[in-house]
Each structure stands twice: as structure tokens, then as C-alpha cells.
């Protein structure tokens, strides 16, 4: 059975994925897209994922990056830009913090 929380989670994830390459898509843009206040969105996402909206957006971006690194022959910098990071060095730090390894360790070998 699909719960309202499941539907909300799917809608949030879909919105983030639709704007994946837009580095400007942040918590505020997500609030506007969902027609929720900052606190409503924060409380709902925190209860579902134990992450703030900004942290959740970053997680979705990093998961997509991991997938791209494993399936496509893009450079780490190309993947960073494709998933909405403006700074490949920051992307690498965030990736290592989330997954415990450097993005280059996830790359597919050509």
C-alpha cells in the first residue's frame, strides 16, 4: 500500500531529478515547487529521511553521480557538473564524506 509519505517522497525525489543539472535548484526552489513553507518542508523531509532539504538534495545528486560514474565514461569533473555541482573539488569532498571513497574509485574503466 502506498502511503501519503511515500507519494511525497517520490514527488520530492522526482523534482530534484528533473532539476539535477541546475546548480541553483536548492531548498528554496524545492519549497516553491512544492508550495510549502521552509519549516513545513524541513519537518517533513527530516521526519522521512533524517536530512534537511539541502542535505537531501545533495544526497540525490551524489547518488546519481555514483550511478553515472559506474555506468558512463565521464570524468569526475563532468559528472560533478552534470549533477549540479559547480565545484568538482567540493563534489569530491561531499562524495567521499557520503560514500567513504573518492569518486575516481567508483569510475568505470574505459
PDB file of N, CA and C in Angstrom:
ATOM      1  N   UNK A   1       0.839  -1.191   0.000  1.00  0.00           N
ATOM      2  CA  UNK A   1       0.000   0.000   0.000  1.00  0.00           C
ATOM      3  C   UNK A   1       0.881   1.252   0.000  1.00  0.00           C
ATOM      4  N   UNK A   2       0.575   2.165  -0.869  1.00  0.00           N
ATOM      5  CA  UNK A   2       1.339   3.402  -0.983  1.00  0.00           C
ATOM      6  C   UNK A   2       0.770   4.429  -0.005  1.00  0.00           C
ATOM      7  N   UNK A   3       1.639   4.945   0.833  1.00  0.00           N
ATOM      8  CA  UNK A   3       1.212   5.919   1.835  1.00  0.00           C
ATOM      9  C   UNK A   3       1.398   7.345   1.300  1.00  0.00           C
ATOM     10  N   UNK A   4       0.748   8.317   1.931  1.00  0.00           N
ATOM     11  CA  UNK A   4       0.980   9.711   1.540  1.00  0.00           C
ATOM     12  C   UNK A   4       2.456  10.105   1.676  1.00  0.00           C
ATOM     13  N   UNK A   5       3.135   9.560   2.679  1.00  0.00           N
ATOM     14  CA  UNK A   5       4.565   9.837   2.832  1.00  0.00           C
ATOM     15  C   UNK A   5       5.368   9.300   1.654  1.00  0.00           C
ATOM     16  N   UNK A   6       5.007   8.118   1.174  1.00  0.00           N
ATOM     17  CA  UNK A   6       5.684   7.542   0.005  1.00  0.00           C
ATOM     18  C   UNK A   6       5.484   8.438  -1.224  1.00  0.00           C
ATOM     19  N   UNK A   7       4.261   8.915  -1.395  1.00  0.00           N
ATOM     20  CA  UNK A   7       3.963   9.792  -2.533  1.00  0.00           C
ATOM     21  C   UNK A   7       4.734  11.102  -2.429  1.00  0.00           C
ATOM     22  N   UNK A   8       4.799  11.663  -1.239  1.00  0.00           N
ATOM     23  CA  UNK A   8       5.540  12.905  -1.021  1.00  0.00           C
ATOM     24  C   UNK A   8       7.019  12.694  -1.325  1.00  0.00           C
ATOM     25  N   UNK A   9       7.591  11.614  -0.791  1.00  0.00           N
ATOM     26  CA  UNK A   9       8.997  11.298  -1.001  1.00  0.00           C
ATOM     27  C   UNK A   9       9.294  11.148  -2.494  1.00  0.00           C
ATOM     28  N   UNK A  10       8.415  10.458  -3.205  1.00  0.00           N
ATOM     29  CA  UNK A  10       8.606  10.255  -4.642  1.00  0.00           C
ATOM     30  C   UNK A  10       8.523  11.580  -5.399  1.00  0.00           C
ATOM     31  N   UNK A  11       7.577  12.429  -5.005  1.00  0.00           N
ATOM     32  CA  UNK A  11       7.422  13.724  -5.661  1.00  0.00           C
ATOM     33  C   UNK A  11       8.662  14.590  -5.453  1.00  0.00           C
ATOM     34  N   UNK A  12       9.181  14.606  -4.229  1.00  0.00           N
ATOM     35  CA  UNK A  12      10.382  15.389  -3.928  1.00  0.00           C
ATOM     36  C   UNK A  12      11.562  14.867  -4.746  1.00  0.00           C
ATOM     37  N   UNK A  13      11.744  13.564  -4.746  1.00  0.00           N
ATOM     38  CA  UNK A  13      12.852  12.955  -5.488  1.00  0.00           C
ATOM     39  C   UNK A  13      12.736  13.250  -6.984  1.00  0.00           C
ATOM     40  N   UNK A  14      11.537  13.134  -7.523  1.00  0.00           N
ATOM     41  CA  UNK A  14      11.324  13.422  -8.948  1.00  0.00           C
ATOM     42  C   UNK A  14      11.647  14.876  -9.275  1.00  0.00           C
ATOM     43  N   UNK A  15      11.213  15.796  -8.411  1.00  0.00           N
ATOM     44  CA  UNK A  15      11.508  17.219  -8.638  1.00  0.00           C
ATOM     45  C   UNK A  15      13.012  17.476  -8.654  1.00  0.00           C
ATOM     46  N   UNK A  16      13.707  16.871  -7.720  1.00  0.00           N
ATOM     47  CA  UNK A  16      15.165  17.052  -7.659  1.00  0.00           C
ATOM     48  C   UNK A  16      15.806  16.482  -8.921  1.00  0.00           C
ATOM     49  N   UNK A  17      15.372  15.310  -9.329  1.00  0.00           N
ATOM     50  CA  UNK A  17      15.946  14.684 -10.524  1.00  0.00           C
ATOM     51  C   UNK A  17      15.669  15.508 -11.782  1.00  0.00           C
ATOM     52  N   UNK A  18      14.499  16.143 -11.852  1.00  0.00           N
ATOM     53  CA  UNK A  18      14.170  16.978 -13.008  1.00  0.00           C
ATOM     54  C   UNK A  18      15.097  18.188 -13.099  1.00  0.00           C
ATOM     55  N   UNK A  19      15.610  18.639 -11.965  1.00  0.00           N
ATOM     56  CA  UNK A  19      16.477  19.819 -11.921  1.00  0.00           C
ATOM     57  C   UNK A  19      17.919  19.452 -11.556  1.00  0.00           C
ATOM     58  N   UNK A  20      18.297  18.230 -11.836  1.00  0.00           N
ATOM     59  CA  UNK A  20      19.586  17.710 -11.399  1.00  0.00           C
ATOM     60  C   UNK A  20      20.761  18.546 -11.885  1.00  0.00           C
ATOM     61  N   UNK A  21      20.735  18.988 -13.124  1.00  0.00           N
ATOM     62  CA  UNK A  21      21.875  19.727 -13.658  1.00  0.00           C
ATOM     63  C   UNK A  21      21.819  21.222 -13.337  1.00  0.00           C
ATOM     64  N   UNK A  22      20.796  21.653 -12.612  1.00  0.00           N
ATOM     65  CA  UNK A  22      20.635  23.053 -12.236  1.00  0.00           C
ATOM     66  C   UNK A  22      21.243  23.275 -10.852  1.00  0.00           C
ATOM     67  N   UNK A  23      22.443  23.832 -10.821  1.00  0.00           N
ATOM     68  CA  UNK A  23      23.129  24.058  -9.544  1.00  0.00           C
ATOM     69  C   UNK A  23      22.366  25.030  -8.658  1.00  0.00           C
ATOM     70  N   UNK A  24      21.491  25.840  -9.252  1.00  0.00           N
ATOM     71  CA  UNK A  24      20.712  26.803  -8.485  1.00  0.00           C
ATOM     72  C   UNK A  24      19.466  26.210  -7.846  1.00  0.00           C
ATOM     73  N   UNK A  25      19.167  24.949  -8.151  1.00  0.00           N
ATOM     74  CA  UNK A  25      17.997  24.312  -7.542  1.00  0.00           C
ATOM     75  C   UNK A  25      18.358  23.923  -6.121  1.00  0.00           C
ATOM     76  N   UNK A  26      17.815  24.667  -5.176  1.00  0.00           N
ATOM     77  CA  UNK A  26      18.155  24.475  -3.773  1.00  0.00           C
ATOM     78  C   UNK A  26      16.891  24.267  -2.946  1.00  0.00           C
ATOM     79  N   UNK A  27      17.041  24.339  -1.639  1.00  0.00           N
ATOM     80  CA  UNK A  27      15.912  24.143  -0.747  1.00  0.00           C
ATOM     81  C   UNK A  27      14.785  25.121  -1.008  1.00  0.00           C
ATOM     82  N   UNK A  28      15.136  26.361  -1.297  1.00  0.00           N
ATOM     83  CA  UNK A  28      14.120  27.379  -1.560  1.00  0.00           C
ATOM     84  C   UNK A  28      13.344  27.063  -2.842  1.00  0.00           C
ATOM     85  N   UNK A  29      14.040  26.640  -3.871  1.00  0.00           N
ATOM     86  CA  UNK A  29      13.378  26.272  -5.124  1.00  0.00           C
ATOM     87  C   UNK A  29      12.463  25.061  -4.910  1.00  0.00           C
ATOM     88  N   UNK A  30      12.906  24.132  -4.081  1.00  0.00           N
ATOM     89  CA  UNK A  30      12.090  22.954  -3.774  1.00  0.00           C
ATOM     90  C   UNK A  30      10.835  23.367  -3.008  1.00  0.00           C
ATOM     91  N   UNK A  31      10.986  24.280  -2.061  1.00  0.00           N
ATOM     92  CA  UNK A  31       9.830  24.804  -1.309  1.00  0.00           C
ATOM     93  C   UNK A  31       8.804  25.384  -2.268  1.00  0.00           C
ATOM     94  N   UNK A  32       9.269  26.212  -3.195  1.00  0.00           N
ATOM     95  CA  UNK A  32       8.368  26.858  -4.145  1.00  0.00           C
ATOM     96  C   UNK A  32       7.691  25.836  -5.052  1.00  0.00           C
ATOM     97  N   UNK A  33       8.440  24.862  -5.511  1.00  0.00           N
ATOM     98  CA  UNK A  33       7.881  23.856  -6.403  1.00  0.00           C
ATOM     99  C   UNK A  33       6.809  23.014  -5.707  1.00  0.00           C
ATOM    100  N   UNK A  34       6.965  22.824  -4.419  1.00  0.00           N
ATOM    101  CA  UNK A  34       6.010  22.016  -3.651  1.00  0.00           C
ATOM    102  C   UNK A  34       4.931  22.863  -2.976  1.00  0.00           C
ATOM    103  N   UNK A  35       5.056  24.182  -3.074  1.00  0.00           N
ATOM    104  CA  UNK A  35       4.138  25.115  -2.407  1.00  0.00           C
ATOM    105  C   UNK A  35       4.079  24.869  -0.900  1.00  0.00           C
ATOM    106  N   UNK A  36       5.259  24.709  -0.314  1.00  0.00           N
ATOM    107  CA  UNK A  36       5.362  24.507   1.127  1.00  0.00           C
ATOM    108  C   UNK A  36       6.237  25.603   1.721  1.00  0.00           C
ATOM    109  N   UNK A  37       6.025  25.882   2.998  1.00  0.00           N
ATOM    110  CA  UNK A  37       6.909  26.821   3.676  1.00  0.00           C
ATOM    111  C   UNK A  37       8.224  26.113   3.981  1.00  0.00           C
ATOM    112  N   UNK A  38       9.218  26.897   4.325  1.00  0.00           N
ATOM    113  CA  UNK A  38      10.528  26.344   4.664  1.00  0.00           C
ATOM    114  C   UNK A  38      10.406  25.328   5.805  1.00  0.00           C
ATOM    115  N   UNK A  39       9.661  25.697   6.846  1.00  0.00           N
ATOM    116  CA  UNK A  39       9.535  24.812   8.011  1.00  0.00           C
ATOM    117  C   UNK A  39       8.724  23.561   7.690  1.00  0.00           C
ATOM    118  N   UNK A  40       7.679  23.697   6.892  1.00  0.00           N
ATOM    119  CA  UNK A  40       6.894  22.511   6.519  1.00  0.00           C
ATOM    120  C   UNK A  40       7.768  21.500   5.788  1.00  0.00           C
ATOM    121  N   UNK A  41       8.509  21.995   4.806  1.00  0.00           N
ATOM    122  CA  UNK A  41       9.379  21.106   4.037  1.00  0.00           C
ATOM    123  C   UNK A  41      10.457  20.511   4.922  1.00  0.00           C
ATOM    124  N   UNK A  42      11.064  21.333   5.763  1.00  0.00           N
ATOM    125  CA  UNK A  42      12.125  20.850   6.651  1.00  0.00           C
ATOM    126  C   UNK A  42      11.598  19.740   7.552  1.00  0.00           C
ATOM    127  N   UNK A  43      10.481  19.993   8.217  1.00  0.00           N
ATOM    128  CA  UNK A  43       9.923  18.989   9.151  1.00  0.00           C
ATOM    129  C   UNK A  43       9.585  17.687   8.437  1.00  0.00           C
ATOM    130  N   UNK A  44       8.944  17.814   7.283  1.00  0.00           N
ATOM    131  CA  UNK A  44       8.509  16.619   6.552  1.00  0.00           C
ATOM    132  C   UNK A  44       9.711  15.798   6.077  1.00  0.00           C
ATOM    133  N   UNK A  45      10.692  16.452   5.459  1.00  0.00           N
ATOM    134  CA  UNK A  45      11.869  15.711   4.981  1.00  0.00           C
ATOM    135  C   UNK A  45      12.686  15.163   6.135  1.00  0.00           C
ATOM    136  N   UNK A  46      12.822  15.934   7.199  1.00  0.00           N
ATOM    137  CA  UNK A  46      13.598  15.485   8.353  1.00  0.00           C
ATOM    138  C   UNK A  46      12.954  14.241   8.958  1.00  0.00           C
ATOM    139  N   UNK A  47      11.621  14.210   9.016  1.00  0.00           N
ATOM    140  CA  UNK A  47      10.944  13.048   9.593  1.00  0.00           C
ATOM    141  C   UNK A  47      11.064  11.815   8.688  1.00  0.00           C
ATOM    142  N   UNK A  48      11.080  12.042   7.364  1.00  0.00           N
ATOM    143  CA  UNK A  48      11.155  10.919   6.425  1.00  0.00           C
ATOM    144  C   UNK A  48      12.578  10.426   6.178  1.00  0.00           C
ATOM    145  N   UNK A  49      13.536  11.356   6.139  1.00  0.00           N
ATOM    146  CA  UNK A  49      14.885  10.987   5.699  1.00  0.00           C
ATOM    147  C   UNK A  49      15.970  11.280   6.732  1.00  0.00           C
ATOM    148  N   UNK A  50      15.607  11.989   7.771  1.00  0.00           N
ATOM    149  CA  UNK A  50      16.562  12.449   8.782  1.00  0.00           C
ATOM    150  C   UNK A  50      17.618  13.385   8.176  1.00  0.00           C
ATOM    151  N   UNK A  51      17.230  14.085   7.115  1.00  0.00           N
ATOM    152  CA  UNK A  51      18.094  15.059   6.448  1.00  0.00           C
ATOM    153  C   UNK A  51      17.308  16.328   6.178  1.00  0.00           C
ATOM    154  N   UNK A  52      18.028  17.443   6.182  1.00  0.00           N
ATOM    155  CA  UNK A  52      17.408  18.715   5.814  1.00  0.00           C
ATOM    156  C   UNK A  52      17.184  18.715   4.300  1.00  0.00           C
ATOM    157  N   UNK A  53      16.387  19.655   3.785  1.00  0.00           N
ATOM    158  CA  UNK A  53      16.188  19.718   2.328  1.00  0.00           C
ATOM    159  C   UNK A  53      17.500  19.844   1.552  1.00  0.00           C
ATOM    160  N   UNK A  54      18.400  20.693   2.022  1.00  0.00           N
ATOM    161  CA  UNK A  54      19.686  20.864   1.330  1.00  0.00           C
ATOM    162  C   UNK A  54      20.488  19.562   1.353  1.00  0.00           C
ATOM    163  N   UNK A  55      20.501  18.894   2.489  1.00  0.00           N
ATOM    164  CA  UNK A  55      21.234  17.622   2.594  1.00  0.00           C
ATOM    165  C   UNK A  55      20.603  16.562   1.703  1.00  0.00           C
ATOM    166  N   UNK A  56      19.266  16.552   1.632  1.00  0.00           N
ATOM    167  CA  UNK A  56      18.595  15.556   0.803  1.00  0.00           C
ATOM    168  C   UNK A  56      18.852  15.809  -0.681  1.00  0.00           C
ATOM    169  N   UNK A  57      18.809  17.068  -1.090  1.00  0.00           N
ATOM    170  CA  UNK A  57      19.112  17.404  -2.493  1.00  0.00           C
ATOM    171  C   UNK A  57      20.527  16.950  -2.831  1.00  0.00           C
ATOM    172  N   UNK A  58      21.479  17.219  -1.935  1.00  0.00           N
ATOM    173  CA  UNK A  58      22.859  16.800  -2.165  1.00  0.00           C
ATOM    174  C   UNK A  58      22.949  15.274  -2.260  1.00  0.00           C
ATOM    175  N   UNK A  59      22.212  14.548  -1.398  1.00  0.00           N
ATOM    176  CA  UNK A  59      22.234  13.086  -1.436  1.00  0.00           C
ATOM    177  C   UNK A  59      21.723  12.564  -2.775  1.00  0.00           C
ATOM    178  N   UNK A  60      20.616  13.106  -3.260  1.00  0.00           N
ATOM    179  CA  UNK A  60      20.070  12.660  -4.549  1.00  0.00           C
ATOM    180  C   UNK A  60      21.085  12.922  -5.656  1.00  0.00           C
ATOM    181  N   UNK A  61      21.722  14.089  -5.620  1.00  0.00           N
ATOM    182  CA  UNK A  61      22.745  14.414  -6.626  1.00  0.00           C
ATOM    183  C   UNK A  61      23.920  13.436  -6.546  1.00  0.00           C
ATOM    184  N   UNK A  62      24.360  13.148  -5.329  1.00  0.00           N
ATOM    185  CA  UNK A  62      25.509  12.246  -5.163  1.00  0.00           C
ATOM    186  C   UNK A  62      25.176  10.816  -5.585  1.00  0.00           C
ATOM    187  N   UNK A  63      23.971  10.363  -5.300  1.00  0.00           N
ATOM    188  CA  UNK A  63      23.576   9.012  -5.726  1.00  0.00           C
ATOM    189  C   UNK A  63      23.542   8.912  -7.242  1.00  0.00           C
ATOM    190  N   UNK A  64      23.035   9.949  -7.901  1.00  0.00           N
ATOM    191  CA  UNK A  64      23.026   9.945  -9.362  1.00  0.00           C
ATOM    192  C   UNK A  64      24.452   9.980  -9.901  1.00  0.00           C
ATOM    193  N   UNK A  65      25.308  10.755  -9.240  1.00  0.00           N
ATOM    194  CA  UNK A  65      26.715  10.825  -9.646  1.00  0.00           C
ATOM    195  C   UNK A  65      27.371   9.458  -9.531  1.00  0.00           C
ATOM    196  N   UNK A  66      27.099   8.750  -8.442  1.00  0.00           N
ATOM    197  CA  UNK A  66      27.671   7.408  -8.271  1.00  0.00           C
ATOM    198  C   UNK A  66      27.219   6.496  -9.399  1.00  0.00           C
ATOM    199  N   UNK A  67      25.958   6.600  -9.759  1.00  0.00           N
ATOM    200  CA  UNK A  67      25.431   5.797 -10.856  1.00  0.00           C
ATOM    201  C   UNK A  67      26.117   6.151 -12.177  1.00  0.00           C
ATOM    202  N   UNK A  68      26.265   7.436 -12.450  1.00  0.00           N
ATOM    203  CA  UNK A  68      26.937   7.863 -13.686  1.00  0.00           C
ATOM    204  C   UNK A  68      28.385   7.404 -13.725  1.00  0.00           C
ATOM    205  N   UNK A  69      29.062   7.512 -12.591  1.00  0.00           N
ATOM    206  CA  UNK A  69      30.474   7.112 -12.544  1.00  0.00           C
ATOM    207  C   UNK A  69      30.640   5.617 -12.834  1.00  0.00           C
ATOM    208  N   UNK A  70      29.655   4.825 -12.432  1.00  0.00           N
ATOM    209  CA  UNK A  70      29.747   3.380 -12.630  1.00  0.00           C
ATOM    210  C   UNK A  70      29.302   2.933 -14.016  1.00  0.00           C
ATOM    211  N   UNK A  71      28.532   3.789 -14.700  1.00  0.00           N
ATOM    212  CA  UNK A  71      27.975   3.345 -15.983  1.00  0.00           C
ATOM    213  C   UNK A  71      28.444   4.138 -17.196  1.00  0.00           C
ATOM    214  N   UNK A  72      29.000   5.330 -16.987  1.00  0.00           N
ATOM    215  CA  UNK A  72      29.387   6.179 -18.101  1.00  0.00           C
ATOM    216  C   UNK A  72      30.873   6.531 -18.008  1.00  0.00           C
ATOM    217  N   UNK A  73      31.518   6.716 -19.145  1.00  0.00           N
ATOM    218  CA  UNK A  73      32.955   7.021 -19.129  1.00  0.00           C
ATOM    219  C   UNK A  73      33.273   8.515 -18.971  1.00  0.00           C
ATOM    220  N   UNK A  74      32.479   9.238 -18.178  1.00  0.00           N
ATOM    221  CA  UNK A  74      32.722  10.659 -17.956  1.00  0.00           C
ATOM    222  C   UNK A  74      33.818  10.855 -16.920  1.00  0.00           C
ATOM    223  N   UNK A  75      34.483  12.001 -17.002  1.00  0.00           N
ATOM    224  CA  UNK A  75      35.456  12.347 -15.964  1.00  0.00           C
ATOM    225  C   UNK A  75      34.694  12.737 -14.703  1.00  0.00           C
ATOM    226  N   UNK A  76      35.401  12.765 -13.592  1.00  0.00           N
ATOM    227  CA  UNK A  76      34.786  13.145 -12.327  1.00  0.00           C
ATOM    228  C   UNK A  76      34.224  14.562 -12.426  1.00  0.00           C
ATOM    229  N   UNK A  77      34.967  15.469 -13.041  1.00  0.00           N
ATOM    230  CA  UNK A  77      34.500  16.849 -13.188  1.00  0.00           C
ATOM    231  C   UNK A  77      33.226  16.913 -14.034  1.00  0.00           C
ATOM    232  N   UNK A  78      33.179  16.158 -15.129  1.00  0.00           N
ATOM    233  CA  UNK A  78      31.981  16.139 -15.978  1.00  0.00           C
ATOM    234  C   UNK A  78      30.770  15.655 -15.199  1.00  0.00           C
ATOM    235  N   UNK A  79      30.962  14.617 -14.408  1.00  0.00           N
ATOM    236  CA  UNK A  79      29.862  14.092 -13.600  1.00  0.00           C
ATOM    237  C   UNK A  79      29.425  15.139 -12.589  1.00  0.00           C
ATOM    238  N   UNK A  80      30.383  15.799 -11.951  1.00  0.00           N
ATOM    239  CA  UNK A  80      30.055  16.837 -10.964  1.00  0.00           C
ATOM    240  C   UNK A  80      29.153  17.899 -11.595  1.00  0.00           C
ATOM    241  N   UNK A  81      29.516  18.389 -12.767  1.00  0.00           N
ATOM    242  CA  UNK A  81      28.712  19.406 -13.433  1.00  0.00           C
ATOM    243  C   UNK A  81      27.345  18.867 -13.861  1.00  0.00           C
ATOM    244  N   UNK A  82      27.290  17.622 -14.300  1.00  0.00           N
ATOM    245  CA  UNK A  82      26.031  17.024 -14.751  1.00  0.00           C
ATOM    246  C   UNK A  82      25.019  16.862 -13.617  1.00  0.00           C
ATOM    247  N   UNK A  83      25.496  16.727 -12.395  1.00  0.00           N
ATOM    248  CA  UNK A  83      24.574  16.544 -11.269  1.00  0.00           C
ATOM    249  C   UNK A  83      24.432  17.808 -10.427  1.00  0.00           C
ATOM    250  N   UNK A  84      24.868  18.951 -10.968  1.00  0.00           N
ATOM    251  CA  UNK A  84      24.573  20.218 -10.335  1.00  0.00           C
ATOM    252  C   UNK A  84      25.594  20.766  -9.359  1.00  0.00           C
ATOM    253  N   UNK A  85      26.799  20.261  -9.386  1.00  0.00           N
ATOM    254  CA  UNK A  85      27.863  20.826  -8.554  1.00  0.00           C
ATOM    255  C   UNK A  85      28.694  21.768  -9.413  1.00  0.00           C
ATOM    256  N   UNK A  86      28.952  22.976  -8.914  1.00  0.00           N
ATOM    257  CA  UNK A  86      29.766  23.944  -9.655  1.00  0.00           C
ATOM    258  C   UNK A  86      31.255  23.764  -9.405  1.00  0.00           C
ATOM    259  N   UNK A  87      31.599  23.065  -8.336  1.00  0.00           N
ATOM    260  CA  UNK A  87      32.988  22.931  -7.917  1.00  0.00           C
ATOM    261  C   UNK A  87      33.346  21.443  -7.786  1.00  0.00           C
ATOM    262  N   UNK A  88      34.128  20.904  -8.728  1.00  0.00           N
ATOM    263  CA  UNK A  88      34.489  19.488  -8.661  1.00  0.00           C
ATOM    264  C   UNK A  88      35.219  19.105  -7.370  1.00  0.00           C
ATOM    265  N   UNK A  89      35.988  20.026  -6.798  1.00  0.00           N
ATOM    266  CA  UNK A  89      36.692  19.713  -5.546  1.00  0.00           C
ATOM    267  C   UNK A  89      35.685  19.527  -4.408  1.00  0.00           C
ATOM    268  N   UNK A  90      34.693  20.402  -4.329  1.00  0.00           N
ATOM    269  CA  UNK A  90      33.647  20.259  -3.311  1.00  0.00           C
ATOM    270  C   UNK A  90      32.863  18.972  -3.552  1.00  0.00           C
ATOM    271  N   UNK A  91      32.565  18.700  -4.824  1.00  0.00           N
ATOM    272  CA  UNK A  91      31.870  17.461  -5.179  1.00  0.00           C
ATOM    273  C   UNK A  91      32.644  16.254  -4.662  1.00  0.00           C
ATOM    274  N   UNK A  92      33.939  16.239  -4.870  1.00  0.00           N
ATOM    275  CA  UNK A  92      34.762  15.105  -4.431  1.00  0.00           C
ATOM    276  C   UNK A  92      34.740  14.956  -2.913  1.00  0.00           C
ATOM    277  N   UNK A  93      34.818  16.083  -2.191  1.00  0.00           N
ATOM    278  CA  UNK A  93      34.760  16.028  -0.721  1.00  0.00           C
ATOM    279  C   UNK A  93      33.410  15.503  -0.241  1.00  0.00           C
ATOM    280  N   UNK A  94      32.332  16.012  -0.843  1.00  0.00           N
ATOM    281  CA  UNK A  94      30.984  15.581  -0.456  1.00  0.00           C
ATOM    282  C   UNK A  94      30.781  14.097  -0.782  1.00  0.00           C
ATOM    283  N   UNK A  95      31.291  13.669  -1.929  1.00  0.00           N
ATOM    284  CA  UNK A  95      31.169  12.274  -2.351  1.00  0.00           C
ATOM    285  C   UNK A  95      31.898  11.367  -1.367  1.00  0.00           C
ATOM    286  N   UNK A  96      33.123  11.738  -1.016  1.00  0.00           N
ATOM    287  CA  UNK A  96      33.909  10.935  -0.075  1.00  0.00           C
ATOM    288  C   UNK A  96      33.230  10.870   1.287  1.00  0.00           C
ATOM    289  N   UNK A  97      32.678  11.992   1.726  1.00  0.00           N
ATOM    290  CA  UNK A  97      32.001  12.022   3.027  1.00  0.00           C
ATOM    291  C   UNK A  97      30.777  11.108   3.018  1.00  0.00           C
ATOM    292  N   UNK A  98      30.029  11.105   1.929  1.00  0.00           N
ATOM    293  CA  UNK A  98      28.799  10.315   1.846  1.00  0.00           C
ATOM    294  C   UNK A  98      29.067   8.828   1.640  1.00  0.00           C
ATOM    295  N   UNK A  99      30.011   8.492   0.768  1.00  0.00           N
ATOM    296  CA  UNK A  99      30.214   7.095   0.380  1.00  0.00           C
ATOM    297  C   UNK A  99      31.505   6.467   0.898  1.00  0.00           C
ATOM    298  N   UNK A 100      32.367   7.264   1.524  1.00  0.00           N
ATOM    299  CA  UNK A 100      33.593   6.721   2.097  1.00  0.00           C
ATOM    300  C   UNK A 100      34.680   6.403   1.083  1.00  0.00           C
ATOM    301  N   UNK A 101      34.536   6.882  -0.123  1.00  0.00           N
ATOM    302  CA  UNK A 101      35.571   6.687  -1.136  1.00  0.00           C
ATOM    303  C   UNK A 101      35.514   7.827  -2.140  1.00  0.00           C
ATOM    304  N   UNK A 102      36.612   8.037  -2.809  1.00  0.00           N
ATOM    305  CA  UNK A 102      36.696   9.116  -3.796  1.00  0.00           C
ATOM    306  C   UNK A 102      35.867   8.759  -5.027  1.00  0.00           C
ATOM    307  N   UNK A 103      35.353   9.764  -5.711  1.00  0.00           N
ATOM    308  CA  UNK A 103      34.586   9.481  -6.933  1.00  0.00           C
ATOM    309  C   UNK A 103      35.405   8.715  -7.969  1.00  0.00           C
ATOM    310  N   UNK A 104      36.698   8.980  -8.030  1.00  0.00           N
ATOM    311  CA  UNK A 104      37.526   8.287  -9.008  1.00  0.00           C
ATOM    312  C   UNK A 104      37.601   6.783  -8.743  1.00  0.00           C
ATOM    313  N   UNK A 105      37.357   6.376  -7.507  1.00  0.00           N
ATOM    314  CA  UNK A 105      37.359   4.948  -7.176  1.00  0.00           C
ATOM    315  C   UNK A 105      36.094   4.266  -7.672  1.00  0.00           C
ATOM    316  N   UNK A 106      35.053   5.029  -7.948  1.00  0.00           N
ATOM    317  CA  UNK A 106      33.788   4.480  -8.447  1.00  0.00           C
ATOM    318  C   UNK A 106      33.734   4.457  -9.971  1.00  0.00           C
ATOM    319  N   UNK A 107      34.662   5.172 -10.614  1.00  0.00           N
ATOM    320  CA  UNK A 107      34.612   5.324 -12.071  1.00  0.00           C
ATOM    321  C   UNK A 107      34.705   4.006 -12.799  1.00  0.00           C
ATOM    322  N   UNK A 108      33.972   3.934 -13.886  1.00  0.00           N
ATOM    323  CA  UNK A 108      34.052   2.788 -14.780  1.00  0.00           C
ATOM    324  C   UNK A 108      35.359   2.922 -15.558  1.00  0.00           C
ATOM    325  N   UNK A 109      36.014   1.831 -15.778  1.00  0.00           N
ATOM    326  CA  UNK A 109      37.259   1.890 -16.547  1.00  0.00           C
ATOM    327  C   UNK A 109      36.924   1.773 -18.031  1.00  0.00           C
ATOM    328  N   UNK A 110      37.458   2.680 -18.845  1.00  0.00           N
ATOM    329  CA  UNK A 110      37.118   2.661 -20.289  1.00  0.00           C
ATOM    330  C   UNK A 110      37.641   1.440 -20.993  1.00  0.00           C
TER     331      UNK A 110
END
